Amino acid sequence: GWAGTAEIRLQVGSDGQGTATLSHSSGYAALDRAAQTMVEAGAQRTPVPEALRGKAFSIVLPVLFDISDGG
């Protein structure tokens, strides 16, 4: 029955290395950790777009946890 949105700040240095930190809690530590782990894993596997290479930037990514029956 857990649901919520964790906001994860992804900071990418000019060297292309990313660090994910919790910006806003979902209200559940387990969901927050899962969101942070997911964003970190994605950042390691995703190349920085050409237009942003060599530049430091950050972005806040909302990660929504919602289990519904779809109906």
Protein backbone atom coordinates (compact mmCIF):
# COMPACT_ATOMS: atom_id res chain seq x y z
CA GLY A 1 0.00 0.00 0.00
CA TRP A 2 2.97 2.33 -0.19
CA ALA A 3 2.74 5.14 -2.72
CA GLY A 4 4.44 8.47 -3.17
CA THR A 5 6.84 10.50 -5.23
CA ALA A 6 10.52 10.80 -4.40
CA GLU A 7 12.40 13.64 -6.03
CA ILE A 8 16.02 12.82 -6.85
CA ARG A 9 18.55 15.51 -7.79
CA LEU A 10 21.06 14.24 -10.33
CA GLN A 11 24.17 16.39 -10.39
CA VAL A 12 26.54 15.77 -13.28
CA GLY A 13 30.03 17.24 -13.20
CA SER A 14 31.93 18.54 -16.19
CA ASP A 15 33.71 15.16 -16.21
CA GLY A 16 30.37 13.43 -16.90
CA GLN A 17 30.19 11.71 -13.51
CA GLY A 18 26.77 11.82 -11.84
CA THR A 19 25.71 11.87 -8.19
CA ALA A 20 22.12 11.26 -7.12
CA THR A 21 20.77 12.70 -3.87
CA LEU A 22 17.32 12.80 -2.33
CA SER A 23 15.73 16.20 -2.90
CA HIS A 24 12.24 15.42 -1.52
CA SER A 25 11.09 12.30 0.31
CA SER A 26 8.22 10.09 -0.77
CA GLY A 27 7.46 9.55 2.90
CA TYR A 28 8.99 6.07 2.88
CA ALA A 29 12.72 5.50 3.33
CA ALA A 30 12.62 2.26 1.31
CA LEU A 31 11.02 4.01 -1.69
CA ASP A 32 13.48 6.90 -1.41
CA ARG A 33 16.43 4.48 -1.46
CA ALA A 34 14.95 2.58 -4.42
CA ALA A 35 14.47 5.81 -6.38
CA GLN A 36 18.01 6.99 -5.64
CA THR A 37 19.49 3.61 -6.61
CA MET A 38 17.50 3.56 -9.85
CA VAL A 39 18.59 7.07 -10.87
CA GLU A 40 22.24 6.35 -10.00
CA ALA A 41 22.17 3.14 -12.07
CA GLY A 42 20.60 4.94 -15.01
CA ALA A 43 23.13 7.77 -14.83
CA GLN A 44 26.01 5.30 -15.01
CA ARG A 45 24.57 3.66 -18.13
CA THR A 46 23.41 6.75 -20.01
CA PRO A 47 25.85 8.88 -21.98
CA VAL A 48 25.73 12.64 -21.51
CA PRO A 49 24.18 14.31 -24.58
CA GLU A 50 26.69 15.97 -26.89
CA ALA A 51 25.32 19.46 -26.14
CA LEU A 52 26.01 19.00 -22.41
CA ARG A 53 29.43 17.31 -22.56
CA GLY A 54 32.06 19.19 -20.60
CA LYS A 55 29.43 21.14 -18.67
CA ALA A 56 28.24 20.70 -15.09
CA PHE A 57 24.47 20.56 -14.66
CA SER A 58 21.78 19.20 -12.37
CA ILE A 59 18.21 18.05 -12.81
CA VAL A 60 15.50 16.99 -10.37
CA LEU A 61 13.76 13.78 -11.41
CA PRO A 62 10.43 12.81 -9.85
CA VAL A 63 10.08 9.05 -9.31
CA LEU A 64 6.44 8.07 -8.83
CA PHE A 65 5.55 4.92 -6.91
CA ASP A 66 1.88 4.04 -7.40
CA ILE A 67 0.42 0.56 -7.44
CA SER A 68 -3.09 0.53 -8.83
CA ASP A 69 -5.30 -2.07 -10.39
CA GLY A 70 -5.38 -0.11 -13.65
CA GLY A 71 -9.12 0.21 -13.60
